[in-house]
């Protein structure tokens, strides 16, 4: 069943490689075109082979989860030869590819400004596909509605019942995603040195990825371009269903039915707190205040861009770290534990305190947007949070045992697990191989919401139990 499901999505997977192949052919980058074209041909071949088999129906939860994980791993491995053509070693190429498809944005590629446009497009298109076509639309196309999404900790798209089918919803969200992408390109084009740089930044922004054609991220671009980029990041850090609802029912109902208010409130409120801390520290330079606020927004949306080095002031570093930990909303392209889950955890604490003060016979339930929260969802949130903390602790021990500063180590690990991409300078070409492997694992675990990857790699998933 899993094999049939994977093969049936081969054509979708091939879309990752077709645009970079076309641009490489136009530029005359024949070796790069051969690598990306070969990967695309493999995917198309798999899709054609899948058509000879009966399509899979009614996948069980574990089969759907394994299908999604395998597609993600294929999407991470197939671009590796193309990155090697661009001058990276095998491990660095895998790091770059995983960072792209998980829409993280951490990079160990060093100076990439002289790469051909096709090389930059490969990275940007990986981010764009990882942000939606695989992570969001992939969840909708493969998982379907119901309990399977809960098995993923609601990693994909929520509230599927409003549309006639899961595939219709995926198409609606794809139209929204494409429209935001086009608007981002048009807004950035007049502010950037060239169209292709505007395109690369836009692809990274709407996928909350963070790859940039320049080694200093956004620092050398005009302030206006930095601000527009962050607005694009904010636009897709809320549930994409907000735009579907807004078109159908108006802004008011869309605001109430989605996580938009919580995401924007937490992001902009956190930016104001960061600026306030700097003012208390007697920093009054407007440019420094703006850069720090933009860095926080980048962290909270898990975009991974930086407009200046992350200030070495522990309270500010801790706030950016907290922002990356929480991340954007469910149904967005952002990573982190998701603001929806953080709000529910806060409500759980409040409910516990209320019950302590209430009569013994009082019946009080945990609700969200007027609906009672099911126990299965609370269990899923607890599982994801527990795995997030446990994995982060293991990776943190590995980093500090290797001589990395504890605060900087925690920043880099949370950035990887939340697929944020902000770095304090640890992720670089000279990083030890075992630490690169740790960050690769952290990015995959975070993007696949921990439960999915662990379940798919567990031997017990694949062993048939004998009665």
Protein backbone atom coordinates (compact mmCIF):
# COMPACT_ATOMS: atom_id res chain seq x y z
CA UNK A 1 0.00 0.00 0.00
CA UNK A 2 2.80 2.41 0.88
CA UNK A 3 4.70 1.62 -2.34
CA UNK A 4 1.59 2.20 -4.44
CA UNK A 5 0.88 5.48 -2.66
CA UNK A 6 4.47 6.70 -3.13
CA UNK A 7 4.52 5.79 -6.82
CA UNK A 8 1.17 7.48 -7.42
CA UNK A 9 2.71 10.79 -6.33
CA UNK A 10 5.81 10.54 -8.51
CA UNK A 11 4.51 13.15 -10.96
CA UNK A 12 3.96 15.63 -8.11
CA UNK A 13 7.50 15.02 -6.85
CA UNK A 14 8.95 15.68 -10.30
CA UNK A 15 7.68 19.28 -10.12
CA UNK A 16 10.48 20.03 -7.66
CA UNK A 17 13.11 19.64 -10.39
CA UNK A 18 11.48 20.87 -13.60
CA UNK A 19 11.93 24.69 -13.16
CA UNK A 20 15.63 24.45 -12.14
CA UNK A 21 16.22 22.10 -15.09
CA UNK A 22 14.65 24.54 -17.54
CA UNK A 23 16.69 27.49 -16.23
CA UNK A 24 19.91 25.42 -16.22
CA UNK A 25 19.32 24.56 -19.90
CA UNK A 26 18.75 28.23 -20.74
CA UNK A 27 21.99 29.20 -18.96
CA UNK A 28 23.94 26.38 -20.59
CA UNK A 29 24.69 24.72 -17.23
CA UNK A 30 24.58 21.27 -18.77
CA UNK A 31 25.89 19.23 -15.83
CA UNK A 32 23.45 20.86 -13.41
CA UNK A 33 20.61 20.35 -15.91
CA UNK A 34 21.57 16.68 -16.20
CA UNK A 35 21.39 16.19 -12.42
CA UNK A 36 18.06 17.95 -11.91
CA UNK A 37 16.63 16.53 -15.13
CA UNK A 38 17.69 13.04 -14.13
CA UNK A 39 15.96 13.40 -10.76
CA UNK A 40 12.82 14.62 -12.50
CA UNK A 41 12.94 11.70 -14.94
CA UNK A 42 13.17 9.23 -12.04
CA UNK A 43 10.08 10.77 -10.45
CA UNK A 44 8.15 10.75 -13.72
CA UNK A 45 9.15 7.14 -14.27
CA UNK A 46 7.88 6.26 -10.80
CA UNK A 47 4.62 8.05 -11.54
CA UNK A 48 4.15 6.14 -14.81
CA UNK A 49 4.90 2.87 -13.04
CA UNK A 50 2.34 3.77 -10.40
CA UNK A 51 -0.35 4.16 -13.04
CA UNK A 52 -0.01 0.47 -13.90
CA UNK A 53 -1.04 -0.39 -10.34
CA UNK A 54 -4.52 0.06 -8.86
CA UNK A 55 -4.63 3.35 -6.95
CA UNK A 56 -4.48 3.02 -3.15
CA UNK A 57 -7.71 3.69 -1.30
CA UNK A 58 -8.47 4.10 2.38
CA UNK A 59 -4.90 4.20 3.62
CA UNK A 60 -4.60 3.47 7.31
CA UNK A 61 -3.10 6.22 9.45
CA UNK A 62 0.34 4.60 9.68
CA UNK A 63 0.42 3.89 5.93
CA UNK A 64 -0.41 7.51 5.13
CA UNK A 65 2.22 8.78 7.57
CA UNK A 66 4.87 6.46 6.10
CA UNK A 67 3.98 7.62 2.59
CA UNK A 68 4.44 11.26 3.53
CA UNK A 69 7.76 10.57 5.26
CA UNK A 70 9.13 8.55 2.32
CA UNK A 71 8.16 11.25 -0.17
CA UNK A 72 9.85 13.83 2.03
CA UNK A 73 13.04 11.75 2.28
CA UNK A 74 13.11 11.21 -1.50
CA UNK A 75 12.66 14.96 -1.99
CA UNK A 76 15.64 15.53 0.32
CA UNK A 77 17.97 12.96 -1.28
CA UNK A 78 17.31 13.45 -5.00
CA UNK A 79 18.71 17.04 -5.18
CA UNK A 80 22.03 16.03 -3.56
CA UNK A 81 23.89 15.37 -6.88
CA UNK A 82 22.79 18.79 -8.18
CA UNK A 83 24.24 20.51 -5.10
CA UNK A 84 27.45 18.54 -5.58
CA UNK A 85 27.72 19.98 -9.09
CA UNK A 86 27.53 23.41 -7.46
CA UNK A 87 30.66 22.61 -5.47
CA UNK A 88 29.42 21.10 -2.22
CA UNK A 89 30.61 17.87 -0.63
CA UNK A 90 28.16 15.02 -0.10
CA UNK A 91 27.31 15.90 3.51
CA UNK A 92 27.05 19.62 2.81
CA UNK A 93 24.89 18.91 -0.24
CA UNK A 94 22.57 16.76 1.89
CA UNK A 95 22.45 19.49 4.55
CA UNK A 96 21.51 22.10 1.93
CA UNK A 97 18.89 19.84 0.37
CA UNK A 98 17.26 18.94 3.70
CA UNK A 99 17.31 22.59 4.76
CA UNK A 100 15.53 23.44 1.52
CA UNK A 101 12.80 20.81 1.47
CA UNK A 102 12.07 21.37 5.16
CA UNK A 103 11.83 25.13 4.43
CA UNK A 104 14.41 25.82 7.14
CA UNK A 105 17.05 28.01 5.49
CA UNK A 106 20.13 27.04 7.48
CA UNK A 107 23.09 26.86 5.12
CA UNK A 108 26.64 25.53 5.10
CA UNK A 109 27.27 26.48 1.47
CA UNK A 110 29.53 29.46 2.19
CA UNK A 111 29.81 32.11 -0.54
CA UNK A 112 27.10 31.29 -3.09
CA UNK A 113 26.70 34.64 -4.83
CA UNK A 114 28.56 33.37 -7.90
CA UNK A 115 26.28 30.36 -8.32
CA UNK A 116 24.30 30.24 -11.58
CA UNK A 117 20.71 31.42 -11.35
CA UNK A 118 19.59 27.80 -11.75
CA UNK A 119 21.46 26.90 -8.57
CA UNK A 120 19.73 29.65 -6.61
CA UNK A 121 16.40 28.63 -8.14
CA UNK A 122 16.98 25.04 -7.03
CA UNK A 123 17.32 26.20 -3.45
CA UNK A 124 14.41 28.65 -3.65
CA UNK A 125 12.11 26.18 -5.40
CA UNK A 126 12.94 23.49 -2.85
CA UNK A 127 11.84 25.93 -0.14
CA UNK A 128 8.66 26.81 -2.01
CA UNK A 129 7.73 23.18 -2.54
CA UNK A 130 8.69 22.22 1.00
CA UNK A 131 6.63 25.07 2.37
CA UNK A 132 3.46 24.03 0.61
CA UNK A 133 3.43 21.40 -2.13
CA UNK A 134 4.97 18.71 0.10
CA UNK A 135 4.32 19.85 3.68
CA UNK A 136 0.84 21.37 3.39
CA UNK A 137 -0.71 20.15 0.14
CA UNK A 138 1.07 16.82 0.61
CA UNK A 139 -0.66 16.34 3.95
CA UNK A 140 -4.01 17.09 2.35
CA UNK A 141 -3.49 14.90 -0.72
CA UNK A 142 -2.11 11.90 1.14
CA UNK A 143 -3.49 12.04 4.67
CA UNK A 144 -7.05 13.07 3.98
CA UNK A 145 -9.50 14.12 6.67
CA UNK A 146 -10.14 12.64 10.06
CA UNK A 147 -7.98 10.74 12.46
CA UNK A 148 -4.96 10.49 10.17
CA UNK A 149 -4.28 14.21 10.56
CA UNK A 150 -4.51 13.80 14.32
CA UNK A 151 -1.91 11.04 14.11
CA UNK A 152 0.38 13.68 12.64
CA UNK A 153 -0.46 16.07 15.46
CA UNK A 154 -2.50 18.10 12.93
CA UNK A 155 0.64 18.85 10.96
CA UNK A 156 -1.33 19.54 7.82
CA UNK A 157 -4.51 21.51 7.21
CA UNK A 158 -7.30 21.90 9.73
CA UNK A 159 -11.09 22.12 9.33
CA UNK A 160 -11.39 19.98 6.21
CA UNK A 161 -15.18 19.73 6.47
CA UNK A 162 -15.75 23.17 4.92
CA UNK A 163 -14.80 22.01 1.45
CA UNK A 164 -16.27 19.30 -0.69
CA UNK A 165 -13.10 17.20 -0.62
CA UNK A 166 -9.53 17.21 0.57
CA UNK A 167 -8.21 17.65 -2.95
CA UNK A 168 -10.48 20.64 -3.53
CA UNK A 169 -9.11 22.21 -0.37
CA UNK A 170 -5.53 21.57 -1.49
CA UNK A 171 -6.26 23.28 -4.81
CA UNK A 172 -7.86 26.25 -3.03
CA UNK A 173 -4.84 26.66 -0.76
CA UNK A 174 -2.45 26.27 -3.69
CA UNK A 175 -4.19 29.14 -5.47
CA UNK A 176 -3.81 31.28 -2.35
CA UNK A 177 -0.15 30.32 -1.97
CA UNK A 178 0.60 31.07 -5.62
CA UNK A 179 -1.20 34.43 -5.45
CA UNK A 180 0.78 35.51 -2.37
CA UNK A 181 3.98 34.41 -4.12
CA UNK A 182 3.21 36.49 -7.21
CA UNK A 183 2.35 39.54 -5.09
CA UNK A 184 5.60 39.14 -3.15
CA UNK A 185 7.63 39.05 -6.38
CA UNK A 186 5.87 42.13 -7.76
CA UNK A 187 6.36 44.04 -4.50
CA UNK A 188 10.06 43.16 -4.21
CA UNK A 189 11.03 43.59 -7.86
CA UNK A 190 11.32 47.43 -7.80
CA UNK A 191 13.27 47.26 -4.52
CA UNK A 192 15.85 44.66 -5.54
CA UNK A 193 18.95 44.92 -7.76
CA UNK A 194 17.53 42.36 -10.21
CA UNK A 195 14.39 40.37 -10.95
CA UNK A 196 15.99 37.02 -10.17
CA UNK A 197 17.01 38.18 -6.68
CA UNK A 198 13.47 39.42 -6.07
CA UNK A 199 12.17 36.02 -7.19
CA UNK A 200 14.55 34.09 -4.93
CA UNK A 201 13.73 36.20 -1.86
CA UNK A 202 10.00 35.98 -2.57
CA UNK A 203 10.12 32.18 -2.87
CA UNK A 204 11.99 32.01 0.42
CA UNK A 205 9.70 34.50 2.17
CA UNK A 206 6.34 32.93 1.35
CA UNK A 207 7.69 29.49 2.31
CA UNK A 208 9.13 31.01 5.52
CA UNK A 209 12.40 29.43 4.42
CA UNK A 210 15.13 32.05 4.56
CA UNK A 211 17.59 31.14 1.81
CA UNK A 212 19.10 34.24 0.22
CA UNK A 213 21.30 34.69 -2.87
CA UNK A 214 23.69 36.69 -0.69
CA UNK A 215 25.81 35.33 2.17
CA UNK A 216 24.67 38.14 4.52
CA UNK A 217 20.99 37.19 4.06
CA UNK A 218 19.02 40.47 3.80
CA UNK A 219 21.60 42.80 5.37
CA UNK A 220 22.86 44.31 2.10
CA UNK A 221 19.37 44.95 0.67
CA UNK A 222 17.49 48.26 1.16
CA UNK A 223 15.45 48.63 4.34
CA UNK A 224 12.27 48.83 2.25
CA UNK A 225 13.03 45.40 0.76
CA UNK A 226 13.67 43.98 4.24
CA UNK A 227 10.31 45.24 5.51
CA UNK A 228 8.39 43.96 2.47
CA UNK A 229 10.09 40.56 2.86
CA UNK A 230 8.96 40.32 6.49
CA UNK A 231 5.40 41.26 5.49
CA UNK A 232 5.46 38.36 3.01
CA UNK A 233 6.71 36.04 5.77
CA UNK A 234 3.87 37.18 8.05
CA UNK A 235 1.32 36.62 5.26
CA UNK A 236 2.02 32.87 5.17
CA UNK A 237 2.75 32.33 8.87
CA UNK A 238 -1.03 32.41 9.46
CA UNK A 239 -3.31 29.61 8.30
CA UNK A 240 -3.75 29.81 4.55
CA UNK A 241 -7.40 29.02 5.17
CA UNK A 242 -7.76 32.60 6.39
CA UNK A 243 -7.65 33.78 2.78
CA UNK A 244 -10.11 31.11 1.66
CA UNK A 245 -12.53 32.11 4.43
CA UNK A 246 -12.01 35.82 3.78
CA UNK A 247 -13.01 35.41 0.14
CA UNK A 248 -16.06 33.29 0.94
CA UNK A 249 -17.38 34.81 4.17
CA UNK A 250 -15.56 38.12 4.72
CA UNK A 251 -12.71 39.26 6.95
CA UNK A 252 -14.64 39.10 10.24
CA UNK A 253 -15.58 35.41 10.08
CA UNK A 254 -12.15 34.58 8.64
CA UNK A 255 -10.47 36.29 11.60
CA UNK A 256 -12.64 34.40 14.12
CA UNK A 257 -12.32 30.98 12.48
CA UNK A 258 -8.52 30.96 12.06
CA UNK A 259 -5.37 31.59 14.05
CA UNK A 260 -4.61 34.92 12.33
CA UNK A 261 -5.22 37.07 15.40
CA UNK A 262 -3.07 34.90 17.63
CA UNK A 263 -0.18 34.77 15.16
CA UNK A 264 -0.14 38.48 14.37
CA UNK A 265 -0.67 39.43 18.01
CA UNK A 266 2.17 37.24 19.26
CA UNK A 267 4.54 38.30 16.47
CA UNK A 268 3.98 42.05 16.61
CA UNK A 269 3.65 42.04 20.40
CA UNK A 270 6.92 40.18 20.73
CA UNK A 271 8.63 42.64 18.40
CA UNK A 272 7.47 45.52 20.61
CA UNK A 273 8.81 43.75 23.71
CA UNK A 274 12.18 43.29 22.01
CA UNK A 275 12.32 46.98 21.11
CA UNK A 276 11.30 47.88 24.65
CA UNK A 277 14.16 45.83 26.09
CA UNK A 278 16.61 47.64 23.87
CA UNK A 279 15.24 51.01 24.94
CA UNK A 280 15.63 49.98 28.60
CA UNK A 281 19.22 49.11 27.74
CA UNK A 282 19.57 52.71 26.45
CA UNK A 283 19.77 51.75 22.79
CA UNK A 284 18.12 54.57 20.85
CA UNK A 285 19.48 54.09 17.33
CA UNK A 286 16.34 53.73 15.15
CA UNK A 287 18.11 51.44 12.69
CA UNK A 288 19.24 49.06 15.44
CA UNK A 289 15.71 49.00 16.89
CA UNK A 290 14.19 48.24 13.48
CA UNK A 291 16.75 45.54 12.67
CA UNK A 292 16.18 43.83 16.00
CA UNK A 293 12.40 43.91 15.55
CA UNK A 294 12.73 42.46 12.02
CA UNK A 295 15.03 39.72 13.30
CA UNK A 296 12.43 38.79 15.91
CA UNK A 297 9.65 38.71 13.30
CA UNK A 298 11.87 36.50 11.15
CA UNK A 299 12.36 34.14 14.09
CA UNK A 300 8.69 34.07 15.13
CA UNK A 301 7.55 33.35 11.58
CA UNK A 302 10.40 30.80 11.32
CA UNK A 303 11.50 32.55 8.13
CA UNK A 304 15.20 32.50 8.97
CA UNK A 305 16.20 35.78 7.33
CA UNK A 306 18.49 38.14 9.20
CA UNK A 307 18.89 41.83 8.54
CA UNK A 308 21.82 42.11 10.97
CA UNK A 309 23.76 39.74 13.25
CA UNK A 310 21.65 38.48 16.15
CA UNK A 311 22.60 40.83 18.98
CA UNK A 312 24.71 39.22 21.67
CA UNK A 313 22.40 40.37 24.46
CA UNK A 314 21.09 37.25 26.29
CA UNK A 315 17.52 38.52 26.98
CA UNK A 316 17.05 39.34 23.28
CA UNK A 317 18.55 36.06 22.15
CA UNK A 318 16.23 34.26 24.57
CA UNK A 319 13.17 36.09 23.20
CA UNK A 320 14.06 35.27 19.60
CA UNK A 321 14.62 31.67 20.69
CA UNK A 322 11.19 31.60 22.34
CA UNK A 323 9.65 33.01 19.17
CA UNK A 324 11.23 30.28 17.06
CA UNK A 325 10.03 27.65 19.54
CA UNK A 326 6.39 28.77 19.25
CA UNK A 327 6.43 29.56 15.51
CA UNK A 328 3.44 30.32 13.29
CA UNK A 329 0.00 28.80 13.00
CA UNK A 330 -1.32 25.39 12.03
CA UNK A 331 -2.15 25.40 8.32
CA UNK A 332 0.68 27.83 7.53
CA UNK A 333 4.13 27.27 6.06
CA UNK A 334 5.79 28.16 9.37
CA UNK A 335 7.44 25.72 11.75
CA UNK A 336 7.70 25.58 15.55
CA UNK A 337 5.26 23.89 17.89
CA UNK A 338 2.59 26.25 16.40
CA UNK A 339 0.84 29.13 18.14
CA UNK A 340 -2.45 27.15 18.23
CA UNK A 341 -0.86 24.50 20.43
CA UNK A 342 0.83 27.09 22.64
CA UNK A 343 -2.54 28.81 23.19
CA UNK A 344 -4.21 25.50 24.05
CA UNK A 345 -1.46 24.69 26.53
CA UNK A 346 -1.97 28.10 28.16
CA UNK A 347 -5.73 27.46 28.27
CA UNK A 348 -5.07 24.09 29.90
CA UNK A 349 -3.16 25.82 32.70
CA UNK A 350 -5.98 28.33 33.12
CA UNK A 351 -8.60 25.54 33.16
CA UNK A 352 -6.67 23.67 35.86
CA UNK A 353 -6.64 26.78 38.06
CA UNK A 354 -10.37 27.39 37.45
CA UNK A 355 -11.25 23.80 38.39
CA UNK A 356 -9.32 24.14 41.65
CA UNK A 357 -11.58 27.04 42.61
CA UNK A 358 -14.84 25.54 41.28
CA UNK A 359 -17.44 23.37 43.10
CA UNK A 360 -16.88 19.62 42.86
CA UNK A 361 -19.93 19.14 40.62
CA UNK A 362 -19.01 21.89 38.18
CA UNK A 363 -18.51 20.73 34.57
CA UNK A 364 -15.90 22.85 32.78
CA UNK A 365 -14.43 21.92 29.41
CA UNK A 366 -11.49 23.15 27.36
CA UNK A 367 -12.83 24.95 24.30
CA UNK A 368 -11.47 26.59 21.16
CA UNK A 369 -13.52 28.99 19.05
CA UNK A 370 -16.67 27.83 20.85
CA UNK A 371 -16.05 24.10 20.38
CA UNK A 372 -15.01 21.56 22.96
CA UNK A 373 -11.49 20.23 22.49
CA UNK A 374 -11.33 16.46 22.07
CA UNK A 375 -9.07 14.45 24.34
CA UNK A 376 -7.20 12.98 21.34
CA UNK A 377 -5.99 16.43 20.33
CA UNK A 378 -4.63 17.18 23.79
CA UNK A 379 -2.81 13.83 23.75
CA UNK A 380 -1.33 14.62 20.32
CA UNK A 381 -0.14 18.05 21.49
CA UNK A 382 1.43 16.55 24.62
CA UNK A 383 3.20 13.90 22.51
CA UNK A 384 4.63 16.46 20.07
CA UNK A 385 5.75 18.81 22.84
CA UNK A 386 7.38 15.96 24.77
CA UNK A 387 9.23 14.75 21.68
CA UNK A 388 10.30 18.28 20.79
CA UNK A 389 11.83 18.86 24.23
CA UNK A 390 13.41 15.39 24.40
CA UNK A 391 15.01 15.66 20.95
CA UNK A 392 16.23 19.20 21.63
CA UNK A 393 17.84 18.04 24.87
CA UNK A 394 19.65 15.16 23.16
CA UNK A 395 20.95 17.42 20.38
CA UNK A 396 21.93 20.06 22.95
CA UNK A 397 24.02 17.51 24.86
CA UNK A 398 25.78 16.56 21.61
CA UNK A 399 26.58 20.19 20.86
CA UNK A 400 27.85 21.19 24.29
CA UNK A 401 29.91 17.98 24.47
CA UNK A 402 31.56 19.23 21.26
CA UNK A 403 32.54 22.52 22.90
CA UNK A 404 29.71 24.75 21.62
CA UNK A 405 28.50 27.52 23.95
CA UNK A 406 25.29 26.26 25.68
CA UNK A 407 23.16 29.31 24.77
CA UNK A 408 24.33 29.36 21.17
CA UNK A 409 23.87 25.58 20.93
CA UNK A 410 20.27 25.82 22.13
CA UNK A 411 19.61 28.67 19.66
CA UNK A 412 20.89 26.69 16.68
CA UNK A 413 19.04 23.50 17.70
CA UNK A 414 15.71 25.26 18.26
CA UNK A 415 16.23 27.05 14.95
CA UNK A 416 16.70 23.70 13.19
CA UNK A 417 13.87 21.84 14.96
CA UNK A 418 11.45 24.72 14.38
CA UNK A 419 12.66 24.97 10.75
CA UNK A 420 13.41 28.63 11.43
CA UNK A 421 16.88 29.01 9.90
CA UNK A 422 18.24 31.86 12.00
CA UNK A 423 21.83 31.22 13.01
CA UNK A 424 24.30 32.65 15.51
CA UNK A 425 27.18 31.56 13.27
CA UNK A 426 27.38 27.87 14.16
CA UNK A 427 26.02 26.56 10.85
CA UNK A 428 28.97 27.08 8.52
CA UNK A 429 31.12 24.96 6.19
CA UNK A 430 33.68 24.23 8.93
CA UNK A 431 31.10 22.78 11.33
CA UNK A 432 32.03 19.27 12.48
CA UNK A 433 30.38 16.49 10.41
CA UNK A 434 28.60 14.90 13.37
CA UNK A 435 27.04 18.28 14.26
CA UNK A 436 25.86 18.76 10.67
CA UNK A 437 24.23 15.32 10.88
CA UNK A 438 22.57 16.33 14.15
CA UNK A 439 21.12 19.46 12.55
CA UNK A 440 19.93 17.47 9.52
CA UNK A 441 18.08 15.11 11.88
CA UNK A 442 16.66 18.07 13.81
CA UNK A 443 15.32 19.71 10.63
CA UNK A 444 13.65 16.50 9.44
CA UNK A 445 12.16 15.74 12.84
CA UNK A 446 10.81 19.26 13.20
CA UNK A 447 9.26 19.49 9.75
CA UNK A 448 7.67 16.06 10.00
CA UNK A 449 6.33 16.84 13.48
CA UNK A 450 8.46 14.19 15.23
CA UNK A 451 5.67 11.58 15.51
CA UNK A 452 5.61 10.91 11.78
CA UNK A 453 9.34 10.35 11.29
CA UNK A 454 9.76 8.30 14.46
CA UNK A 455 6.77 6.12 13.58
CA UNK A 456 7.97 5.60 10.00
CA UNK A 457 11.49 4.62 11.11
CA UNK A 458 10.32 2.31 13.89
CA UNK A 459 10.91 -1.38 13.04
CA UNK A 460 7.60 -2.29 14.69
CA UNK A 461 5.78 -0.27 12.01
CA UNK A 462 6.99 -2.67 9.32
CA UNK A 463 6.83 -6.01 11.16
CA UNK A 464 3.67 -8.03 10.66
CA UNK A 465 2.41 -9.30 14.00
CA UNK A 466 1.57 -13.01 14.04
CA UNK A 467 -1.46 -14.07 16.02
